[in-house]
Amino acid sequence: MKQSYRFFISSIMLLGMSWQAIMAQEDNLIGLLGEETEKEQVVNAFKSPRVVNSHSIEMLGAGALDFRILHRFGKISDGFYNLFGLDNASMRMSFDYGISSNLSIGIGRSTNRKEMDGFAKYRLLSQTRGSKPIPISLVLVGGAAYNGLRAPFSNPEIEPTFKRRLAYYTQLIIGRKFNEKISLQLAPTWLHRNIVEQQQIDNDLMAIELGARYKLVKRVALIIDYSYILNPPFPNSGHNPLSIGFDIDTGGHVFQLHFSNAVGMNERALLSEANGDWLNGDIQFGFNLSRVFQLKKIKKADQLVH
């Protein structure tokens, strides 16, 4: 466990030092060339505030409401009897709102464990190009999930109080759009569950999330969403959550088709539940649908953001 903490902290320190080195190199290059250009914010690293399940570095614009439906079918390995998983399904429905161009909040409800969740998301730093460019974006996210099952614990002796039903998470997303085709992000993540039913399982889990996007054609991109859990709750079973799919931008909304070994669609479920094995066909086909409604007029200061 101590090694996991050390690796987690070392990863954050390494990312910080790398950022400083990149900034110094780019500042020196501009000085040598004698260039003085106006700063321009880099946008559309990802086409959605979510990669697949995980948050991305993208933010909603001020006054924008994102209505999102995440749909995940059953396991392909279930075979023809369950139509390769299509007979079974789980879903998460959510509403996210942009309070400003740098601050968003959201709520969601999953059929899995009848779980309610909410989050707040704040952009600390935006990637820019031009004079003294900023090479990365930094986004801080914090959220909580509430288990809504009538009997949330298998042990009947555990009283299902409100506090014991809760789990919390925090993550710092570090991302960069390298060019018009490639965007990458890393997100050190900490998850705390108020109660676990087995003493050998930690209440706290730590992970590094990797998000990637590669633009294939004008409106279609390949997306990858993967989390490496540093101290997995199931040492001998379960796998790290991996989702691979496609972003399809129709203009009015973003449509995602993907395959995933994770049934859960929020941070608590992704990191603490026993995900399937890709090699054994324990994967689910799914789709995400996002429709953004602009509820108030966009100010000029926010037009560059989204």
Protein backbone atom coordinates (compact mmCIF):
# COMPACT_ATOMS: atom_id res chain seq x y z
CA MET A 1 0.00 0.00 0.00
CA LYS A 2 2.89 2.37 0.85
CA GLN A 3 4.39 1.68 -2.56
CA SER A 4 1.10 2.68 -4.20
CA TYR A 5 1.09 6.01 -2.33
CA ARG A 6 4.72 6.66 -3.31
CA PHE A 7 4.02 5.88 -6.94
CA PHE A 8 0.92 8.11 -6.89
CA ILE A 9 2.81 11.08 -5.40
CA SER A 10 5.84 10.52 -7.65
CA SER A 11 3.59 10.55 -10.73
CA ILE A 12 2.16 13.96 -9.79
CA MET A 13 5.65 15.38 -9.11
CA LEU A 14 6.97 14.03 -12.41
CA LEU A 15 4.06 15.57 -14.32
CA GLY A 16 4.72 18.90 -12.63
CA MET A 17 8.43 18.89 -13.45
CA SER A 18 7.70 17.89 -17.06
CA TRP A 19 5.25 20.79 -17.40
CA GLN A 20 7.84 23.28 -16.08
CA ALA A 21 10.48 21.94 -18.48
CA ILE A 22 8.14 22.22 -21.47
CA MET A 23 7.18 25.79 -20.54
CA ALA A 24 10.83 26.81 -20.20
CA GLN A 25 11.74 25.31 -23.58
CA GLU A 26 8.85 26.99 -25.38
CA ASP A 27 9.59 30.37 -23.75
CA ASN A 28 13.25 30.12 -24.83
CA LEU A 29 12.25 29.22 -28.39
CA ILE A 30 9.96 32.24 -28.65
CA GLY A 31 12.74 34.47 -27.33
CA LEU A 32 15.24 33.19 -29.90
CA LEU A 33 12.82 33.69 -32.76
CA GLY A 34 11.75 37.10 -31.53
CA GLU A 35 8.11 36.26 -32.00
CA GLU A 36 5.41 38.23 -30.20
CA THR A 37 2.01 36.88 -31.14
CA GLU A 38 -1.32 37.18 -29.39
CA LYS A 39 -2.37 34.34 -27.10
CA GLU A 40 -4.98 31.99 -28.47
CA GLN A 41 -6.81 29.40 -26.41
CA VAL A 42 -6.60 25.82 -27.69
CA VAL A 43 -10.08 24.26 -27.90
CA ASN A 44 -11.68 20.94 -28.81
CA ALA A 45 -8.98 18.68 -27.45
CA PHE A 46 -11.94 16.34 -26.90
CA LYS A 47 -15.41 16.77 -28.37
CA SER A 48 -17.14 16.19 -25.05
CA PRO A 49 -16.64 16.88 -21.33
CA ARG A 50 -16.32 13.08 -21.01
CA VAL A 51 -13.84 10.81 -22.79
CA VAL A 52 -16.13 7.77 -22.49
CA ASN A 53 -16.83 7.33 -18.78
CA SER A 54 -14.16 9.61 -17.29
CA HIS A 55 -14.12 13.40 -17.27
CA SER A 56 -12.07 15.07 -20.01
CA ILE A 57 -10.26 18.43 -19.95
CA GLU A 58 -13.10 19.93 -21.99
CA MET A 59 -15.55 22.24 -20.20
CA LEU A 60 -19.12 23.26 -20.94
CA GLY A 61 -19.62 26.84 -22.00
CA ALA A 62 -21.29 29.31 -19.65
CA GLY A 63 -25.04 28.69 -19.53
CA ALA A 64 -24.82 25.38 -21.41
CA LEU A 65 -26.86 22.37 -20.22
CA ASP A 66 -25.57 18.96 -21.29
CA PHE A 67 -28.23 16.22 -21.21
CA ARG A 68 -26.39 12.91 -21.40
CA ILE A 69 -27.53 9.29 -21.68
CA LEU A 70 -24.98 6.49 -21.20
CA HIS A 71 -26.22 3.05 -22.22
CA ARG A 72 -24.31 -0.19 -21.65
CA PHE A 73 -25.57 -3.61 -22.78
CA GLY A 74 -24.70 -6.99 -21.26
CA LYS A 75 -21.58 -9.08 -21.85
CA ILE A 76 -20.83 -10.26 -25.36
CA SER A 77 -19.68 -13.54 -23.80
CA ASP A 78 -23.31 -14.26 -22.79
CA GLY A 79 -23.73 -15.66 -26.29
CA PHE A 80 -26.65 -15.91 -28.68
CA TYR A 81 -29.24 -16.77 -26.00
CA ASN A 82 -28.95 -13.19 -24.67
CA LEU A 83 -28.19 -11.88 -28.17
CA PHE A 84 -24.57 -11.25 -27.17
CA GLY A 85 -25.62 -8.98 -24.33
CA LEU A 86 -28.28 -6.93 -26.12
CA ASP A 87 -31.06 -8.46 -23.98
CA ASN A 88 -29.56 -6.86 -20.86
CA ALA A 89 -28.67 -3.26 -20.26
CA SER A 90 -27.71 -0.65 -17.66
CA MET A 91 -27.96 3.11 -18.01
CA ARG A 92 -26.84 6.40 -16.53
CA MET A 93 -28.71 9.65 -17.21
CA SER A 94 -27.24 13.00 -16.24
CA PHE A 95 -27.59 16.78 -16.43
CA ASP A 96 -24.42 18.90 -16.42
CA TYR A 97 -24.46 22.70 -16.37
CA GLY A 98 -21.79 25.29 -17.13
CA ILE A 99 -21.96 28.00 -14.46
CA SER A 100 -19.10 29.77 -16.21
CA SER A 101 -16.57 28.83 -18.87
CA ASN A 102 -14.31 27.49 -16.11
CA LEU A 103 -16.83 25.96 -13.69
CA SER A 104 -19.36 23.16 -14.23
CA ILE A 105 -21.57 21.08 -11.98
CA GLY A 106 -23.59 17.96 -12.68
CA ILE A 107 -25.86 15.25 -11.31
CA GLY A 108 -26.58 11.76 -12.57
CA ARG A 109 -28.48 8.59 -11.79
CA SER A 110 -27.41 5.04 -12.67
CA THR A 111 -29.53 1.90 -12.78
CA ASN A 112 -26.49 0.05 -11.41
CA ARG A 113 -27.02 0.10 -7.61
CA LYS A 114 -29.65 2.82 -8.21
CA GLU A 115 -26.79 5.21 -7.60
CA MET A 116 -27.05 9.01 -7.52
CA ASP A 117 -23.89 10.99 -8.17
CA GLY A 118 -22.82 14.61 -8.45
CA PHE A 119 -19.67 16.55 -9.23
CA ALA A 120 -18.08 19.97 -9.51
CA LYS A 121 -15.43 20.63 -12.16
CA TYR A 122 -13.09 23.64 -12.28
CA ARG A 123 -10.53 24.59 -14.92
CA LEU A 124 -7.33 25.80 -13.29
CA LEU A 125 -5.36 26.40 -16.47
CA SER A 126 -6.06 26.51 -20.21
CA GLN A 127 -3.71 25.47 -22.97
CA THR A 128 -2.81 28.42 -25.20
CA ARG A 129 -0.64 29.11 -28.22
CA GLY A 130 1.10 32.29 -29.26
CA SER A 131 3.17 34.58 -27.02
CA LYS A 132 4.39 32.67 -23.93
CA PRO A 133 2.14 29.68 -24.63
CA ILE A 134 0.78 27.39 -21.94
CA PRO A 135 1.40 23.81 -23.10
CA ILE A 136 -1.25 22.00 -21.04
CA SER A 137 -4.69 22.32 -19.49
CA LEU A 138 -5.35 21.56 -15.83
CA VAL A 139 -8.82 20.65 -14.55
CA LEU A 140 -9.80 19.76 -10.98
CA VAL A 141 -12.83 17.51 -10.38
CA GLY A 142 -14.50 16.44 -7.14
CA GLY A 143 -17.63 14.37 -6.72
CA ALA A 144 -19.66 11.94 -4.64
CA ALA A 145 -21.93 8.92 -5.19
CA TYR A 146 -24.82 7.59 -3.10
CA ASN A 147 -25.87 3.93 -3.13
CA GLY A 148 -29.67 3.92 -3.42
CA LEU A 149 -30.38 0.20 -2.98
CA ARG A 150 -32.80 -0.75 -0.20
CA ALA A 151 -30.25 -3.32 0.99
CA PRO A 152 -26.89 -1.88 -0.10
CA PHE A 153 -24.71 -4.31 1.89
CA SER A 154 -24.55 -8.10 1.73
CA ASN A 155 -23.88 -8.21 5.47
CA PRO A 156 -27.25 -7.62 7.20
CA GLU A 157 -25.48 -6.53 10.40
CA ILE A 158 -24.20 -3.35 8.71
CA GLU A 159 -26.75 -0.58 9.24
CA PRO A 160 -27.30 1.21 5.88
CA THR A 161 -27.01 4.77 7.15
CA PHE A 162 -26.78 7.74 4.80
CA LYS A 163 -23.08 8.24 5.57
CA ARG A 164 -22.19 4.61 4.93
CA ARG A 165 -23.82 4.72 1.51
CA LEU A 166 -21.49 7.50 0.30
CA ALA A 167 -18.26 7.46 -1.70
CA TYR A 168 -16.13 10.45 -2.77
CA TYR A 169 -13.53 11.07 -5.44
CA THR A 170 -11.06 13.79 -6.46
CA GLN A 171 -8.91 14.00 -9.58
CA LEU A 172 -6.55 16.39 -11.30
CA ILE A 173 -6.71 16.14 -15.10
CA ILE A 174 -3.58 17.14 -17.03
CA GLY A 175 -4.15 17.26 -20.79
CA ARG A 176 -2.78 18.56 -24.04
CA LYS A 177 -3.95 18.85 -27.62
CA PHE A 178 -0.81 18.11 -29.61
CA ASN A 179 -2.26 18.85 -33.04
CA GLU A 180 -5.57 18.67 -34.89
CA LYS A 181 -5.56 14.87 -34.68
CA ILE A 182 -4.07 13.86 -31.31
CA SER A 183 -5.10 14.77 -27.75
CA LEU A 184 -3.95 13.06 -24.54
CA GLN A 185 -4.68 13.44 -20.84
CA LEU A 186 -3.60 11.91 -17.52
CA ALA A 187 -5.64 12.14 -14.33
CA PRO A 188 -4.34 11.05 -10.90
CA THR A 189 -7.53 10.00 -9.05
CA TRP A 190 -8.34 9.29 -5.41
CA LEU A 191 -11.53 7.45 -4.40
CA HIS A 192 -12.76 7.01 -0.81
CA ARG A 193 -15.62 4.73 0.24
CA ASN A 194 -17.04 5.35 3.69
CA ILE A 195 -17.48 1.65 4.32
CA VAL A 196 -16.24 -1.62 2.81
CA GLU A 197 -17.56 -5.02 3.81
CA GLN A 198 -14.22 -6.84 3.94
CA GLN A 199 -11.40 -5.73 6.25
CA GLN A 200 -8.67 -6.67 3.77
CA ILE A 201 -10.03 -4.16 1.23
CA ASP A 202 -8.91 -0.53 1.49
CA ASN A 203 -11.44 2.26 1.87
CA ASP A 204 -9.17 4.39 -0.33
CA LEU A 205 -8.31 3.57 -3.94
CA MET A 206 -5.88 5.43 -6.16
CA ALA A 207 -5.64 5.32 -9.93
CA ILE A 208 -4.14 7.02 -12.97
CA GLU A 209 -6.66 7.63 -15.75
CA LEU A 210 -5.47 7.86 -19.36
CA GLY A 211 -7.66 9.46 -22.01
CA ALA A 212 -6.77 9.65 -25.69
CA ARG A 213 -8.41 10.93 -28.85
CA TYR A 214 -7.26 10.46 -32.45
CA LYS A 215 -9.21 12.24 -35.19
CA LEU A 216 -9.85 9.88 -38.11
CA VAL A 217 -11.94 12.09 -40.39
CA LYS A 218 -13.70 15.42 -40.04
CA ARG A 219 -16.46 14.28 -37.67
CA VAL A 220 -15.21 10.90 -36.40
CA ALA A 221 -12.47 10.18 -33.86
CA LEU A 222 -11.08 7.12 -32.07
CA ILE A 223 -11.26 7.44 -28.26
CA ILE A 224 -9.63 5.41 -25.48
CA ASP A 225 -10.50 5.65 -21.78
CA TYR A 226 -8.35 3.57 -19.38
CA SER A 227 -7.69 3.65 -15.64
CA TYR A 228 -4.75 1.91 -13.97
CA ILE A 229 -5.68 1.14 -10.35
CA LEU A 230 -2.63 1.34 -8.08
CA ASN A 231 -4.12 -0.66 -5.20
CA PRO A 232 -6.89 -2.81 -6.77
CA PRO A 233 -9.70 -3.94 -4.46
CA PHE A 234 -9.73 -7.39 -6.07
CA PRO A 235 -6.09 -8.64 -6.19
CA ASN A 236 -7.04 -12.00 -7.71
CA SER A 237 -10.01 -10.96 -9.82
CA GLY A 238 -11.30 -7.96 -11.69
CA HIS A 239 -9.46 -5.85 -14.24
CA ASN A 240 -8.67 -2.22 -14.89
CA PRO A 241 -11.53 -0.43 -16.70
CA LEU A 242 -10.85 0.00 -20.42
CA SER A 243 -13.24 1.52 -22.97
CA ILE A 244 -12.50 1.90 -26.69
CA GLY A 245 -14.85 3.57 -29.12
CA PHE A 246 -15.64 6.30 -31.60
CA ASP A 247 -16.77 9.92 -31.26
CA ILE A 248 -19.29 10.92 -33.92
CA ASP A 249 -20.05 14.64 -34.10
CA THR A 250 -23.38 15.19 -35.85
CA GLY A 251 -23.39 18.95 -35.27
CA GLY A 252 -26.41 18.91 -32.98
CA HIS A 253 -25.01 16.36 -30.58
CA VAL A 254 -22.06 14.03 -29.92
CA PHE A 255 -22.72 10.32 -30.31
CA GLN A 256 -20.27 7.72 -28.96
CA LEU A 257 -20.15 4.02 -29.81
CA HIS A 258 -17.83 1.95 -27.65
CA PHE A 259 -16.85 -1.37 -26.10
CA SER A 260 -16.02 -1.56 -22.40
CA ASN A 261 -15.23 -4.14 -19.71
CA ALA A 262 -16.88 -1.90 -17.09
CA VAL A 263 -20.56 -2.11 -16.20
CA GLY A 264 -20.48 0.98 -13.97
CA MET A 265 -20.50 4.46 -15.48
CA ASN A 266 -19.37 6.68 -12.62
CA GLU A 267 -16.02 6.95 -10.84
CA ARG A 268 -17.01 4.86 -7.81
CA ALA A 269 -18.21 1.99 -9.97
CA LEU A 270 -15.34 2.14 -12.46
CA LEU A 271 -12.62 1.84 -9.84
CA SER A 272 -14.15 -0.33 -7.13
CA GLU A 273 -16.21 -2.96 -8.99
CA ALA A 274 -14.89 -6.18 -10.56
CA ASN A 275 -14.56 -5.30 -14.25
CA GLY A 276 -14.52 -8.01 -16.93
CA ASP A 277 -11.66 -9.55 -18.89
CA TRP A 278 -11.35 -8.32 -22.47
CA LEU A 279 -9.56 -11.52 -23.53
CA ASN A 280 -12.47 -13.68 -22.30
CA GLY A 281 -15.11 -11.60 -24.06
CA ASP A 282 -16.33 -10.04 -20.80
CA ILE A 283 -17.01 -6.76 -22.56
CA GLN A 284 -20.15 -4.80 -23.27
CA PHE A 285 -21.19 -2.80 -26.28
CA GLY A 286 -22.60 0.61 -25.44
CA PHE A 287 -23.35 4.11 -26.61
CA ASN A 288 -23.33 7.60 -25.11
CA LEU A 289 -25.55 10.39 -26.37
CA SER A 290 -24.89 14.02 -25.48
CA ARG A 291 -27.17 16.93 -26.36
CA VAL A 292 -26.18 20.45 -25.31
CA PHE A 293 -28.77 23.20 -24.86
CA GLN A 294 -27.67 26.83 -24.56
CA LEU A 295 -29.84 28.30 -21.79
CA LYS A 296 -28.39 31.80 -21.76
CA LYS A 297 -26.67 34.10 -24.21
CA ILE A 298 -22.94 33.51 -24.60
CA LYS A 299 -20.73 36.45 -23.67
CA LYS A 300 -17.86 37.42 -25.96
CA ALA A 301 -15.37 36.39 -23.28
CA ASP A 302 -16.75 32.84 -23.36
CA GLN A 303 -16.98 32.38 -27.13
CA LEU A 304 -13.38 31.17 -27.43
CA VAL A 305 -13.89 28.53 -24.79
CA HIS A 306 -16.46 26.28 -26.39
